[in-house]
Amino acid sequence: MSSELADRDDESRSRLADTFARWHGLIAQGLKRMQDDGVFSHDVDVNDLATSLLAALQGGYLLAKTQHDVRPMAVALDMAIDHIESLTRRG
């Protein structure tokens, strides 16, 4: 639905973009706090990580809804989280 609205209605597209930007910002803030606490080195781009996590969430959700199966969402999020964990100083 988001994709359809974004293509047909500028006001809807703008509101959707704002909503995704807020979600992205919250995720990035959490990752930045982790970086500030020394979980990630300072060369890790937390904005890119936030984008990848949000994309995994949204893509996984779309596939899960379409297939009536939570597995695609679980797989997408597990892979995103595994990638993030691999960038930690513990990873």
PDB file of N, CA and C in Angstrom:
ATOM      1  N   MET A   1       0.818  -1.179   0.000  1.00  0.00           N
ATOM      2  CA  MET A   1       0.000   0.000   0.000  1.00  0.00           C
ATOM      3  C   MET A   1       0.873   1.257   0.000  1.00  0.00           C
ATOM      4  N   SER A   2       1.947   1.239   0.763  1.00  0.00           N
ATOM      5  CA  SER A   2       2.833   2.397   0.801  1.00  0.00           C
ATOM      6  C   SER A   2       3.384   2.728  -0.568  1.00  0.00           C
ATOM      7  N   SER A   3       3.793   1.697  -1.283  1.00  0.00           N
ATOM      8  CA  SER A   3       4.337   1.908  -2.617  1.00  0.00           C
ATOM      9  C   SER A   3       3.291   2.491  -3.555  1.00  0.00           C
ATOM     10  N   GLU A   4       2.082   1.972  -3.500  1.00  0.00           N
ATOM     11  CA  GLU A   4       1.004   2.469  -4.349  1.00  0.00           C
ATOM     12  C   GLU A   4       0.677   3.929  -4.022  1.00  0.00           C
ATOM     13  N   LEU A   5       0.570   4.241  -2.745  1.00  0.00           N
ATOM     14  CA  LEU A   5       0.256   5.617  -2.351  1.00  0.00           C
ATOM     15  C   LEU A   5       1.368   6.582  -2.746  1.00  0.00           C
ATOM     16  N   ALA A   6       2.603   6.142  -2.571  1.00  0.00           N
ATOM     17  CA  ALA A   6       3.742   7.005  -2.891  1.00  0.00           C
ATOM     18  C   ALA A   6       3.771   7.364  -4.371  1.00  0.00           C
ATOM     19  N   ASP A   7       3.303   6.451  -5.210  1.00  0.00           N
ATOM     20  CA  ASP A   7       3.277   6.702  -6.653  1.00  0.00           C
ATOM     21  C   ASP A   7       2.104   7.568  -7.097  1.00  0.00           C
ATOM     22  N   ARG A   8       1.061   7.665  -6.285  1.00  0.00           N
ATOM     23  CA  ARG A   8      -0.171   8.311  -6.737  1.00  0.00           C
ATOM     24  C   ARG A   8      -0.515   9.614  -6.021  1.00  0.00           C
ATOM     25  N   ASP A   9       0.059   9.833  -4.858  1.00  0.00           N
ATOM     26  CA  ASP A   9      -0.380  10.958  -4.042  1.00  0.00           C
ATOM     27  C   ASP A   9       0.827  11.561  -3.323  1.00  0.00           C
ATOM     28  N   ASP A  10       1.203  12.775  -3.711  1.00  0.00           N
ATOM     29  CA  ASP A  10       2.390  13.405  -3.127  1.00  0.00           C
ATOM     30  C   ASP A  10       2.261  13.635  -1.623  1.00  0.00           C
ATOM     31  N   GLU A  11       1.068  13.985  -1.166  1.00  0.00           N
ATOM     32  CA  GLU A  11       0.886  14.207   0.269  1.00  0.00           C
ATOM     33  C   GLU A  11       1.085  12.899   1.039  1.00  0.00           C
ATOM     34  N   SER A  12       0.518  11.821   0.537  1.00  0.00           N
ATOM     35  CA  SER A  12       0.701  10.519   1.180  1.00  0.00           C
ATOM     36  C   SER A  12       2.162  10.103   1.139  1.00  0.00           C
ATOM     37  N   ARG A  13       2.803  10.292  -0.010  1.00  0.00           N
ATOM     38  CA  ARG A  13       4.218   9.943  -0.129  1.00  0.00           C
ATOM     39  C   ARG A  13       5.041  10.715   0.886  1.00  0.00           C
ATOM     40  N   SER A  14       4.757  11.996   1.047  1.00  0.00           N
ATOM     41  CA  SER A  14       5.486  12.826   1.991  1.00  0.00           C
ATOM     42  C   SER A  14       5.280  12.348   3.432  1.00  0.00           C
ATOM     43  N   ARG A  15       4.043  12.005   3.765  1.00  0.00           N
ATOM     44  CA  ARG A  15       3.765  11.510   5.123  1.00  0.00           C
ATOM     45  C   ARG A  15       4.434  10.161   5.365  1.00  0.00           C
ATOM     46  N   LEU A  16       4.396   9.303   4.376  1.00  0.00           N
ATOM     47  CA  LEU A  16       5.068   8.013   4.507  1.00  0.00           C
ATOM     48  C   LEU A  16       6.577   8.204   4.664  1.00  0.00           C
ATOM     49  N   ALA A  17       7.147   9.079   3.861  1.00  0.00           N
ATOM     50  CA  ALA A  17       8.583   9.351   3.953  1.00  0.00           C
ATOM     51  C   ALA A  17       8.937   9.888   5.335  1.00  0.00           C
ATOM     52  N   ASP A  18       8.101  10.774   5.872  1.00  0.00           N
ATOM     53  CA  ASP A  18       8.340  11.311   7.216  1.00  0.00           C
ATOM     54  C   ASP A  18       8.279  10.214   8.274  1.00  0.00           C
ATOM     55  N   THR A  19       7.313   9.323   8.129  1.00  0.00           N
ATOM     56  CA  THR A  19       7.174   8.233   9.095  1.00  0.00           C
ATOM     57  C   THR A  19       8.385   7.311   9.050  1.00  0.00           C
ATOM     58  N   PHE A  20       8.786   6.922   7.838  1.00  0.00           N
ATOM     59  CA  PHE A  20       9.974   6.082   7.719  1.00  0.00           C
ATOM     60  C   PHE A  20      11.216   6.809   8.235  1.00  0.00           C
ATOM     61  N   ALA A  21      11.316   8.095   8.007  1.00  0.00           N
ATOM     62  CA  ALA A  21      12.455   8.871   8.506  1.00  0.00           C
ATOM     63  C   ALA A  21      12.478   8.886  10.034  1.00  0.00           C
ATOM     64  N   ARG A  22      11.311   8.989  10.651  1.00  0.00           N
ATOM     65  CA  ARG A  22      11.255   8.954  12.127  1.00  0.00           C
ATOM     66  C   ARG A  22      11.705   7.593  12.642  1.00  0.00           C
ATOM     67  N   TRP A  23      11.198   6.536  12.037  1.00  0.00           N
ATOM     68  CA  TRP A  23      11.617   5.190  12.450  1.00  0.00           C
ATOM     69  C   TRP A  23      13.117   5.019  12.269  1.00  0.00           C
ATOM     70  N   HIS A  24      13.607   5.449  11.120  1.00  0.00           N
ATOM     71  CA  HIS A  24      15.042   5.367  10.845  1.00  0.00           C
ATOM     72  C   HIS A  24      15.828   6.131  11.907  1.00  0.00           C
ATOM     73  N   GLY A  25      15.357   7.324  12.231  1.00  0.00           N
ATOM     74  CA  GLY A  25      16.038   8.141  13.230  1.00  0.00           C
ATOM     75  C   GLY A  25      16.093   7.476  14.583  1.00  0.00           C
ATOM     76  N   LEU A  26      15.009   6.860  14.995  1.00  0.00           N
ATOM     77  CA  LEU A  26      14.995   6.167  16.290  1.00  0.00           C
ATOM     78  C   LEU A  26      15.968   4.992  16.308  1.00  0.00           C
ATOM     79  N   ILE A  27      15.988   4.228  15.230  1.00  0.00           N
ATOM     80  CA  ILE A  27      16.925   3.106  15.137  1.00  0.00           C
ATOM     81  C   ILE A  27      18.360   3.624  15.146  1.00  0.00           C
ATOM     82  N   ALA A  28      18.627   4.669  14.358  1.00  0.00           N
ATOM     83  CA  ALA A  28      19.977   5.237  14.286  1.00  0.00           C
ATOM     84  C   ALA A  28      20.409   5.786  15.646  1.00  0.00           C
ATOM     85  N   GLN A  29      19.495   6.404  16.366  1.00  0.00           N
ATOM     86  CA  GLN A  29      19.828   6.929  17.705  1.00  0.00           C
ATOM     87  C   GLN A  29      20.237   5.795  18.641  1.00  0.00           C
ATOM     88  N   GLY A  30      19.502   4.702  18.600  1.00  0.00           N
ATOM     89  CA  GLY A  30      19.856   3.557  19.436  1.00  0.00           C
ATOM     90  C   GLY A  30      21.211   2.990  19.069  1.00  0.00           C
ATOM     91  N   LEU A  31      21.470   2.859  17.777  1.00  0.00           N
ATOM     92  CA  LEU A  31      22.768   2.360  17.326  1.00  0.00           C
ATOM     93  C   LEU A  31      23.884   3.335  17.680  1.00  0.00           C
ATOM     94  N   LYS A  32      23.610   4.628  17.607  1.00  0.00           N
ATOM     95  CA  LYS A  32      24.611   5.643  17.969  1.00  0.00           C
ATOM     96  C   LYS A  32      24.947   5.558  19.455  1.00  0.00           C
ATOM     97  N   ARG A  33      23.930   5.345  20.288  1.00  0.00           N
ATOM     98  CA  ARG A  33      24.199   5.182  21.724  1.00  0.00           C
ATOM     99  C   ARG A  33      25.081   3.961  21.957  1.00  0.00           C
ATOM    100  N   MET A  34      24.804   2.886  21.211  1.00  0.00           N
ATOM    101  CA  MET A  34      25.657   1.703  21.328  1.00  0.00           C
ATOM    102  C   MET A  34      27.089   2.030  20.900  1.00  0.00           C
ATOM    103  N   GLN A  35      27.214   2.807  19.835  1.00  0.00           N
ATOM    104  CA  GLN A  35      28.539   3.202  19.358  1.00  0.00           C
ATOM    105  C   GLN A  35      29.248   4.059  20.407  1.00  0.00           C
ATOM    106  N   ASP A  36      28.519   5.001  20.986  1.00  0.00           N
ATOM    107  CA  ASP A  36      29.101   5.862  22.031  1.00  0.00           C
ATOM    108  C   ASP A  36      29.521   5.060  23.262  1.00  0.00           C
ATOM    109  N   ASP A  37      28.831   3.955  23.509  1.00  0.00           N
ATOM    110  CA  ASP A  37      29.168   3.084  24.640  1.00  0.00           C
ATOM    111  C   ASP A  37      30.290   2.110  24.308  1.00  0.00           C
ATOM    112  N   GLY A  38      30.812   2.191  23.082  1.00  0.00           N
ATOM    113  CA  GLY A  38      31.947   1.359  22.692  1.00  0.00           C
ATOM    114  C   GLY A  38      31.587   0.018  22.094  1.00  0.00           C
ATOM    115  N   VAL A  39      30.312  -0.211  21.803  1.00  0.00           N
ATOM    116  CA  VAL A  39      29.904  -1.476  21.210  1.00  0.00           C
ATOM    117  C   VAL A  39      30.399  -1.575  19.768  1.00  0.00           C
ATOM    118  N   PHE A  40      30.349  -0.459  19.039  1.00  0.00           N
ATOM    119  CA  PHE A  40      30.853  -0.378  17.666  1.00  0.00           C
ATOM    120  C   PHE A  40      32.033   0.587  17.634  1.00  0.00           C
ATOM    121  N   SER A  41      32.942   0.353  16.695  1.00  0.00           N
ATOM    122  CA  SER A  41      33.996   1.341  16.484  1.00  0.00           C
ATOM    123  C   SER A  41      33.372   2.577  15.830  1.00  0.00           C
ATOM    124  N   HIS A  42      34.089   3.679  15.873  1.00  0.00           N
ATOM    125  CA  HIS A  42      33.536   4.928  15.331  1.00  0.00           C
ATOM    126  C   HIS A  42      33.551   4.985  13.807  1.00  0.00           C
ATOM    127  N   ASP A  43      34.167   4.005  13.156  1.00  0.00           N
ATOM    128  CA  ASP A  43      34.128   4.002  11.693  1.00  0.00           C
ATOM    129  C   ASP A  43      32.897   3.269  11.152  1.00  0.00           C
ATOM    130  N   VAL A  44      32.091   2.677  12.026  1.00  0.00           N
ATOM    131  CA  VAL A  44      30.844   2.033  11.615  1.00  0.00           C
ATOM    132  C   VAL A  44      29.812   3.124  11.326  1.00  0.00           C
ATOM    133  N   ASP A  45      29.170   3.048  10.178  1.00  0.00           N
ATOM    134  CA  ASP A  45      28.158   4.035   9.791  1.00  0.00           C
ATOM    135  C   ASP A  45      26.799   3.594  10.336  1.00  0.00           C
ATOM    136  N   VAL A  46      26.397   4.188  11.462  1.00  0.00           N
ATOM    137  CA  VAL A  46      25.150   3.782  12.106  1.00  0.00           C
ATOM    138  C   VAL A  46      23.933   4.152  11.263  1.00  0.00           C
ATOM    139  N   ASN A  47      24.040   5.168  10.427  1.00  0.00           N
ATOM    140  CA  ASN A  47      22.919   5.505   9.546  1.00  0.00           C
ATOM    141  C   ASN A  47      22.695   4.413   8.499  1.00  0.00           C
ATOM    142  N   ASP A  48      23.772   3.883   7.947  1.00  0.00           N
ATOM    143  CA  ASP A  48      23.638   2.770   7.003  1.00  0.00           C
ATOM    144  C   ASP A  48      23.081   1.532   7.698  1.00  0.00           C
ATOM    145  N   LEU A  49      23.535   1.282   8.923  1.00  0.00           N
ATOM    146  CA  LEU A  49      23.001   0.138   9.667  1.00  0.00           C
ATOM    147  C   LEU A  49      21.510   0.307   9.929  1.00  0.00           C
ATOM    148  N   ALA A  50      21.110   1.516  10.279  1.00  0.00           N
ATOM    149  CA  ALA A  50      19.689   1.785  10.522  1.00  0.00           C
ATOM    150  C   ALA A  50      18.881   1.559   9.248  1.00  0.00           C
ATOM    151  N   THR A  51      19.416   2.003   8.116  1.00  0.00           N
ATOM    152  CA  THR A  51      18.732   1.798   6.843  1.00  0.00           C
ATOM    153  C   THR A  51      18.579   0.312   6.550  1.00  0.00           C
ATOM    154  N   SER A  52      19.635  -0.454   6.751  1.00  0.00           N
ATOM    155  CA  SER A  52      19.566  -1.886   6.446  1.00  0.00           C
ATOM    156  C   SER A  52      18.600  -2.609   7.379  1.00  0.00           C
ATOM    157  N   LEU A  53      18.575  -2.229   8.642  1.00  0.00           N
ATOM    158  CA  LEU A  53      17.659  -2.876   9.581  1.00  0.00           C
ATOM    159  C   LEU A  53      16.204  -2.532   9.249  1.00  0.00           C
ATOM    160  N   LEU A  54      15.944  -1.280   8.931  1.00  0.00           N
ATOM    161  CA  LEU A  54      14.591  -0.872   8.557  1.00  0.00           C
ATOM    162  C   LEU A  54      14.153  -1.550   7.258  1.00  0.00           C
ATOM    163  N   ALA A  55      15.065  -1.659   6.303  1.00  0.00           N
ATOM    164  CA  ALA A  55      14.743  -2.330   5.039  1.00  0.00           C
ATOM    165  C   ALA A  55      14.458  -3.814   5.270  1.00  0.00           C
ATOM    166  N   ALA A  56      15.228  -4.460   6.131  1.00  0.00           N
ATOM    167  CA  ALA A  56      14.978  -5.870   6.450  1.00  0.00           C
ATOM    168  C   ALA A  56      13.623  -6.034   7.124  1.00  0.00           C
ATOM    169  N   LEU A  57      13.311  -5.129   8.024  1.00  0.00           N
ATOM    170  CA  LEU A  57      12.026  -5.175   8.714  1.00  0.00           C
ATOM    171  C   LEU A  57      10.871  -5.008   7.735  1.00  0.00           C
ATOM    172  N   GLN A  58      10.942  -3.987   6.899  1.00  0.00           N
ATOM    173  CA  GLN A  58       9.851  -3.716   5.964  1.00  0.00           C
ATOM    174  C   GLN A  58       9.728  -4.784   4.881  1.00  0.00           C
ATOM    175  N   GLY A  59      10.852  -5.198   4.334  1.00  0.00           N
ATOM    176  CA  GLY A  59      10.822  -6.243   3.314  1.00  0.00           C
ATOM    177  C   GLY A  59      10.360  -7.571   3.891  1.00  0.00           C
ATOM    178  N   GLY A  60      10.862  -7.900   5.066  1.00  0.00           N
ATOM    179  CA  GLY A  60      10.435  -9.132   5.722  1.00  0.00           C
ATOM    180  C   GLY A  60       8.962  -9.114   6.053  1.00  0.00           C
ATOM    181  N   TYR A  61       8.478  -7.957   6.493  1.00  0.00           N
ATOM    182  CA  TYR A  61       7.061  -7.821   6.816  1.00  0.00           C
ATOM    183  C   TYR A  61       6.201  -8.014   5.566  1.00  0.00           C
ATOM    184  N   LEU A  62       6.601  -7.390   4.464  1.00  0.00           N
ATOM    185  CA  LEU A  62       5.849  -7.519   3.216  1.00  0.00           C
ATOM    186  C   LEU A  62       5.782  -8.977   2.764  1.00  0.00           C
ATOM    187  N   LEU A  63       6.910  -9.658   2.784  1.00  0.00           N
ATOM    188  CA  LEU A  63       6.928 -11.065   2.375  1.00  0.00           C
ATOM    189  C   LEU A  63       6.114 -11.931   3.329  1.00  0.00           C
ATOM    190  N   ALA A  64       6.221 -11.678   4.624  1.00  0.00           N
ATOM    191  CA  ALA A  64       5.470 -12.458   5.609  1.00  0.00           C
ATOM    192  C   ALA A  64       3.966 -12.278   5.417  1.00  0.00           C
ATOM    193  N   LYS A  65       3.539 -11.039   5.191  1.00  0.00           N
ATOM    194  CA  LYS A  65       2.118 -10.787   4.968  1.00  0.00           C
ATOM    195  C   LYS A  65       1.645 -11.452   3.684  1.00  0.00           C
ATOM    196  N   THR A  66       2.432 -11.346   2.634  1.00  0.00           N
ATOM    197  CA  THR A  66       2.051 -11.908   1.344  1.00  0.00           C
ATOM    198  C   THR A  66       1.966 -13.432   1.394  1.00  0.00           C
ATOM    199  N   GLN A  67       2.911 -14.038   2.119  1.00  0.00           N
ATOM    200  CA  GLN A  67       2.968 -15.502   2.178  1.00  0.00           C
ATOM    201  C   GLN A  67       2.197 -16.096   3.360  1.00  0.00           C
ATOM    202  N   HIS A  68       1.672 -15.238   4.214  1.00  0.00           N
ATOM    203  CA  HIS A  68       1.008 -15.706   5.442  1.00  0.00           C
ATOM    204  C   HIS A  68       1.929 -16.638   6.220  1.00  0.00           C
ATOM    205  N   ASP A  69       3.175 -16.196   6.355  1.00  0.00           N
ATOM    206  CA  ASP A  69       4.201 -16.993   7.017  1.00  0.00           C
ATOM    207  C   ASP A  69       5.216 -16.029   7.624  1.00  0.00           C
ATOM    208  N   VAL A  70       5.515 -16.162   8.896  1.00  0.00           N
ATOM    209  CA  VAL A  70       6.444 -15.247   9.557  1.00  0.00           C
ATOM    210  C   VAL A  70       7.901 -15.530   9.212  1.00  0.00           C
ATOM    211  N   ARG A  71       8.168 -16.664   8.613  1.00  0.00           N
ATOM    212  CA  ARG A  71       9.564 -17.049   8.343  1.00  0.00           C
ATOM    213  C   ARG A  71      10.339 -16.007   7.529  1.00  0.00           C
ATOM    214  N   PRO A  72       9.797 -15.444   6.450  1.00  0.00           N
ATOM    215  CA  PRO A  72      10.584 -14.450   5.707  1.00  0.00           C
ATOM    216  C   PRO A  72      11.010 -13.263   6.590  1.00  0.00           C
ATOM    217  N   MET A  73      10.136 -12.837   7.476  1.00  0.00           N
ATOM    218  CA  MET A  73      10.490 -11.727   8.351  1.00  0.00           C
ATOM    219  C   MET A  73      11.566 -12.150   9.344  1.00  0.00           C
ATOM    220  N   ALA A  74      11.425 -13.340   9.899  1.00  0.00           N
ATOM    221  CA  ALA A  74      12.420 -13.844  10.843  1.00  0.00           C
ATOM    222  C   ALA A  74      13.789 -13.965  10.173  1.00  0.00           C
ATOM    223  N   VAL A  75      13.812 -14.497   8.969  1.00  0.00           N
ATOM    224  CA  VAL A  75      15.078 -14.667   8.250  1.00  0.00           C
ATOM    225  C   VAL A  75      15.712 -13.303   7.961  1.00  0.00           C
ATOM    226  N   ALA A  76      14.920 -12.361   7.461  1.00  0.00           N
ATOM    227  CA  ALA A  76      15.447 -11.033   7.128  1.00  0.00           C
ATOM    228  C   ALA A  76      15.997 -10.334   8.371  1.00  0.00           C
ATOM    229  N   LEU A  77      15.250 -10.382   9.458  1.00  0.00           N
ATOM    230  CA  LEU A  77      15.714  -9.717  10.682  1.00  0.00           C
ATOM    231  C   LEU A  77      16.904 -10.431  11.292  1.00  0.00           C
ATOM    232  N   ASP A  78      16.902 -11.757  11.279  1.00  0.00           N
ATOM    233  CA  ASP A  78      18.059 -12.498  11.802  1.00  0.00           C
ATOM    234  C   ASP A  78      19.327 -12.145  11.035  1.00  0.00           C
ATOM    235  N   MET A  79      19.211 -12.061   9.709  1.00  0.00           N
ATOM    236  CA  MET A  79      20.398 -11.724   8.909  1.00  0.00           C
ATOM    237  C   MET A  79      20.867 -10.300   9.203  1.00  0.00           C
ATOM    238  N   ALA A  80      19.937  -9.363   9.324  1.00  0.00           N
ATOM    239  CA  ALA A  80      20.308  -7.978   9.625  1.00  0.00           C
ATOM    240  C   ALA A  80      20.965  -7.880  10.993  1.00  0.00           C
ATOM    241  N   ILE A  81      20.385  -8.555  11.967  1.00  0.00           N
ATOM    242  CA  ILE A  81      20.940  -8.515  13.327  1.00  0.00           C
ATOM    243  C   ILE A  81      22.298  -9.209  13.368  1.00  0.00           C
ATOM    244  N   ASP A  82      22.439 -10.332  12.654  1.00  0.00           N
ATOM    245  CA  ASP A  82      23.741 -11.013  12.584  1.00  0.00           C
ATOM    246  C   ASP A  82      24.803 -10.091  11.995  1.00  0.00           C
ATOM    247  N   HIS A  83      24.426  -9.336  10.966  1.00  0.00           N
ATOM    248  CA  HIS A  83      25.385  -8.403  10.364  1.00  0.00           C
ATOM    249  C   HIS A  83      25.779  -7.322  11.375  1.00  0.00           C
ATOM    250  N   ILE A  84      24.799  -6.778  12.047  1.00  0.00           N
ATOM    251  CA  ILE A  84      25.088  -5.738  13.043  1.00  0.00           C
ATOM    252  C   ILE A  84      25.979  -6.317  14.136  1.00  0.00           C
ATOM    253  N   GLU A  85      25.669  -7.511  14.606  1.00  0.00           N
ATOM    254  CA  GLU A  85      26.479  -8.137  15.648  1.00  0.00           C
ATOM    255  C   GLU A  85      27.917  -8.366  15.170  1.00  0.00           C
ATOM    256  N   SER A  86      28.086  -8.688  13.880  1.00  0.00           N
ATOM    257  CA  SER A  86      29.434  -8.927  13.363  1.00  0.00           C
ATOM    258  C   SER A  86      30.286  -7.656  13.406  1.00  0.00           C
ATOM    259  N   LEU A  87      29.657  -6.514  13.483  1.00  0.00           N
ATOM    260  CA  LEU A  87      30.387  -5.243  13.539  1.00  0.00           C
ATOM    261  C   LEU A  87      30.690  -4.798  14.961  1.00  0.00           C
ATOM    262  N   THR A  88      30.181  -5.529  15.938  1.00  0.00           N
ATOM    263  CA  THR A  88      30.449  -5.156  17.323  1.00  0.00           C
ATOM    264  C   THR A  88      31.871  -5.566  17.696  1.00  0.00           C
ATOM    265  N   ARG A  89      32.350  -4.992  18.729  1.00  0.00           N
ATOM    266  CA  ARG A  89      33.698  -5.350  19.201  1.00  0.00           C
ATOM    267  C   ARG A  89      33.711  -6.740  19.813  1.00  0.00           C
ATOM    268  N   ARG A  90      32.517  -7.252  20.101  1.00  0.00           N
ATOM    269  CA  ARG A  90      32.400  -8.626  20.619  1.00  0.00           C
ATOM    270  C   ARG A  90      32.216  -9.621  19.493  1.00  0.00           C
ATOM    271  N   GLY A  91      31.745  -9.112  18.301  1.00  0.00           N
ATOM    272  CA  GLY A  91      31.373  -9.972  17.178  1.00  0.00           C
ATOM    273  C   GLY A  91      32.523 -10.699  16.592  1.00  0.00           C
TER     274      GLY A  91
END
